[in-house]
Amino acid sequence: MAEACSQAEEEDFISRTAEMQTVAATSSSSIVEKDILVLRPGGLFWLDHFFCVGEQLEQMYAPVIDSIGFNKVKWIVGRKLDRGSELNEMYLSALLEKPLKNSW
């Protein structure tokens, strides 16, 4: 039974990560805020291998993620080079923790 629950949680996480990418692309944080509501205080949110253009990361995605108010446990940004360095694409992997106090 625990295995089925774990698989369902993994599928749910994948779905939520896809929604975050969609939200960031449309510059709206309402869906992100709604999805983060279900995470318990102290819970961890893992954003893995999210990629975008370097300027978008600094100007759009990082401020949206910061506005949620999570603690950054780990934040790693690296260059994505598979399509060429001239595209200036970046990967973001982050582990975020929902604060225990003042949570939604």
C-alpha atoms as a PDB file:
ATOM      1  CA  MET A   1       0.000   0.000   0.000  1.00  0.00           C
ATOM      2  CA  ALA A   2       2.835   2.392   0.828  1.00  0.00           C
ATOM      3  CA  GLU A   3       4.311   1.854  -2.635  1.00  0.00           C
ATOM      4  CA  ALA A   4       1.065   2.863  -4.382  1.00  0.00           C
ATOM      5  CA  CYS A   5       0.803   5.975  -2.225  1.00  0.00           C
ATOM      6  CA  SER A   6       4.399   6.879  -2.994  1.00  0.00           C
ATOM      7  CA  GLN A   7       3.801   6.509  -6.730  1.00  0.00           C
ATOM      8  CA  ALA A   8       0.656   8.642  -6.500  1.00  0.00           C
ATOM      9  CA  GLU A   9       2.594  11.316  -4.621  1.00  0.00           C
ATOM     10  CA  GLU A  10       5.306  11.255  -7.281  1.00  0.00           C
ATOM     11  CA  GLU A  11       2.741  11.666 -10.054  1.00  0.00           C
ATOM     12  CA  ASP A  12       1.134  14.520  -8.112  1.00  0.00           C
ATOM     13  CA  PHE A  13       4.520  16.216  -7.730  1.00  0.00           C
ATOM     14  CA  ILE A  14       5.237  15.903 -11.453  1.00  0.00           C
ATOM     15  CA  SER A  15       1.848  17.414 -12.200  1.00  0.00           C
ATOM     16  CA  ARG A  16       2.445  20.318  -9.813  1.00  0.00           C
ATOM     17  CA  THR A  17       5.903  21.000 -11.266  1.00  0.00           C
ATOM     18  CA  ALA A  18       4.374  21.179 -14.747  1.00  0.00           C
ATOM     19  CA  GLU A  19       1.754  23.604 -13.423  1.00  0.00           C
ATOM     20  CA  MET A  20       4.497  25.805 -11.913  1.00  0.00           C
ATOM     21  CA  GLN A  21       6.247  25.950 -15.282  1.00  0.00           C
ATOM     22  CA  THR A  22       2.964  26.946 -16.926  1.00  0.00           C
ATOM     23  CA  VAL A  23       2.308  29.596 -14.292  1.00  0.00           C
ATOM     24  CA  ALA A  24       5.751  31.110 -14.611  1.00  0.00           C
ATOM     25  CA  ALA A  25       5.388  31.188 -18.384  1.00  0.00           C
ATOM     26  CA  THR A  26       2.147  33.155 -18.093  1.00  0.00           C
ATOM     27  CA  SER A  27       3.487  35.477 -15.350  1.00  0.00           C
ATOM     28  CA  SER A  28       0.680  34.546 -12.982  1.00  0.00           C
ATOM     29  CA  SER A  29       1.281  33.239  -9.479  1.00  0.00           C
ATOM     30  CA  SER A  30      -2.336  32.404  -8.563  1.00  0.00           C
ATOM     31  CA  ILE A  31      -2.087  28.696  -9.471  1.00  0.00           C
ATOM     32  CA  VAL A  32       1.255  28.372  -7.662  1.00  0.00           C
ATOM     33  CA  GLU A  33      -0.252  29.919  -4.539  1.00  0.00           C
ATOM     34  CA  LYS A  34      -3.260  27.577  -4.749  1.00  0.00           C
ATOM     35  CA  ASP A  35      -1.068  24.488  -5.154  1.00  0.00           C
ATOM     36  CA  ILE A  36       1.288  25.461  -2.352  1.00  0.00           C
ATOM     37  CA  LEU A  37      -1.698  25.722   0.022  1.00  0.00           C
ATOM     38  CA  VAL A  38      -1.894  21.928   0.213  1.00  0.00           C
ATOM     39  CA  LEU A  39       1.709  21.611   1.434  1.00  0.00           C
ATOM     40  CA  ARG A  40       1.914  21.288   5.214  1.00  0.00           C
ATOM     41  CA  PRO A  41       4.010  23.746   7.243  1.00  0.00           C
ATOM     42  CA  GLY A  42       7.561  22.401   7.367  1.00  0.00           C
ATOM     43  CA  GLY A  43       6.945  20.451   4.151  1.00  0.00           C
ATOM     44  CA  LEU A  44       9.466  20.433   1.335  1.00  0.00           C
ATOM     45  CA  PHE A  45       8.845  21.435  -2.273  1.00  0.00           C
ATOM     46  CA  TRP A  46      11.376  20.213  -4.822  1.00  0.00           C
ATOM     47  CA  LEU A  47      11.733  22.018  -8.134  1.00  0.00           C
ATOM     48  CA  ASP A  48      14.152  20.018 -10.273  1.00  0.00           C
ATOM     49  CA  HIS A  49      15.706  20.703 -13.673  1.00  0.00           C
ATOM     50  CA  PHE A  50      13.501  23.696 -14.448  1.00  0.00           C
ATOM     51  CA  PHE A  51      15.066  25.549 -17.374  1.00  0.00           C
ATOM     52  CA  CYS A  52      14.645  28.968 -18.925  1.00  0.00           C
ATOM     53  CA  VAL A  53      16.659  31.798 -20.457  1.00  0.00           C
ATOM     54  CA  GLY A  54      19.049  33.396 -17.948  1.00  0.00           C
ATOM     55  CA  GLU A  55      17.373  36.822 -18.024  1.00  0.00           C
ATOM     56  CA  GLN A  56      13.948  35.259 -17.414  1.00  0.00           C
ATOM     57  CA  LEU A  57      15.258  33.453 -14.339  1.00  0.00           C
ATOM     58  CA  GLU A  58      16.439  36.693 -12.753  1.00  0.00           C
ATOM     59  CA  GLN A  59      13.581  38.924 -13.881  1.00  0.00           C
ATOM     60  CA  MET A  60      10.539  36.654 -13.707  1.00  0.00           C
ATOM     61  CA  TYR A  61      10.934  33.207 -12.145  1.00  0.00           C
ATOM     62  CA  ALA A  62      13.118  34.001  -9.114  1.00  0.00           C
ATOM     63  CA  PRO A  63      10.801  36.859  -7.966  1.00  0.00           C
ATOM     64  CA  VAL A  64       7.724  34.614  -8.360  1.00  0.00           C
ATOM     65  CA  ILE A  65       9.373  31.864  -6.306  1.00  0.00           C
ATOM     66  CA  ASP A  66      10.575  34.406  -3.697  1.00  0.00           C
ATOM     67  CA  SER A  67       7.074  35.883  -3.398  1.00  0.00           C
ATOM     68  CA  ILE A  68       5.746  32.543  -2.128  1.00  0.00           C
ATOM     69  CA  GLY A  69       7.792  33.042   1.052  1.00  0.00           C
ATOM     70  CA  PHE A  70       9.442  29.646   1.325  1.00  0.00           C
ATOM     71  CA  ASN A  71      12.852  29.112   2.921  1.00  0.00           C
ATOM     72  CA  LYS A  72      15.533  28.179   0.394  1.00  0.00           C
ATOM     73  CA  VAL A  73      17.120  24.977   1.677  1.00  0.00           C
ATOM     74  CA  LYS A  74      19.089  24.530  -1.539  1.00  0.00           C
ATOM     75  CA  TRP A  75      19.197  26.695  -4.685  1.00  0.00           C
ATOM     76  CA  ILE A  76      21.412  25.621  -7.584  1.00  0.00           C
ATOM     77  CA  VAL A  77      21.592  27.338 -10.961  1.00  0.00           C
ATOM     78  CA  GLY A  78      23.662  25.927 -13.801  1.00  0.00           C
ATOM     79  CA  ARG A  79      24.075  26.521 -17.505  1.00  0.00           C
ATOM     80  CA  LYS A  80      22.162  24.347 -19.960  1.00  0.00           C
ATOM     81  CA  LEU A  81      24.512  23.684 -22.849  1.00  0.00           C
ATOM     82  CA  ASP A  82      22.852  20.917 -24.895  1.00  0.00           C
ATOM     83  CA  ARG A  83      21.508  23.362 -27.518  1.00  0.00           C
ATOM     84  CA  GLY A  84      24.545  25.663 -27.460  1.00  0.00           C
ATOM     85  CA  SER A  85      25.900  28.272 -25.091  1.00  0.00           C
ATOM     86  CA  GLU A  86      24.712  31.187 -27.242  1.00  0.00           C
ATOM     87  CA  LEU A  87      21.082  30.597 -26.119  1.00  0.00           C
ATOM     88  CA  ASN A  88      22.022  31.446 -22.499  1.00  0.00           C
ATOM     89  CA  GLU A  89      19.661  28.807 -21.081  1.00  0.00           C
ATOM     90  CA  MET A  90      19.856  27.989 -17.379  1.00  0.00           C
ATOM     91  CA  TYR A  91      18.766  25.063 -15.196  1.00  0.00           C
ATOM     92  CA  LEU A  92      17.309  25.676 -11.754  1.00  0.00           C
ATOM     93  CA  SER A  93      17.041  23.014  -9.077  1.00  0.00           C
ATOM     94  CA  ALA A  94      15.680  24.153  -5.737  1.00  0.00           C
ATOM     95  CA  LEU A  95      14.579  22.603  -2.471  1.00  0.00           C
ATOM     96  CA  LEU A  96      12.156  24.911  -0.684  1.00  0.00           C
ATOM     97  CA  GLU A  97      10.636  24.533   2.780  1.00  0.00           C
ATOM     98  CA  LYS A  98       7.245  25.894   3.759  1.00  0.00           C
ATOM     99  CA  PRO A  99       7.709  27.959   6.937  1.00  0.00           C
ATOM    100  CA  LEU A 100       6.204  26.699  10.181  1.00  0.00           C
ATOM    101  CA  LYS A 101       4.839  30.138  11.137  1.00  0.00           C
ATOM    102  CA  ASN A 102       2.670  32.456   9.079  1.00  0.00           C
ATOM    103  CA  SER A 103       1.840  29.715   6.606  1.00  0.00           C
ATOM    104  CA  TRP A 104      -1.211  29.968   4.389  1.00  0.00           C
END
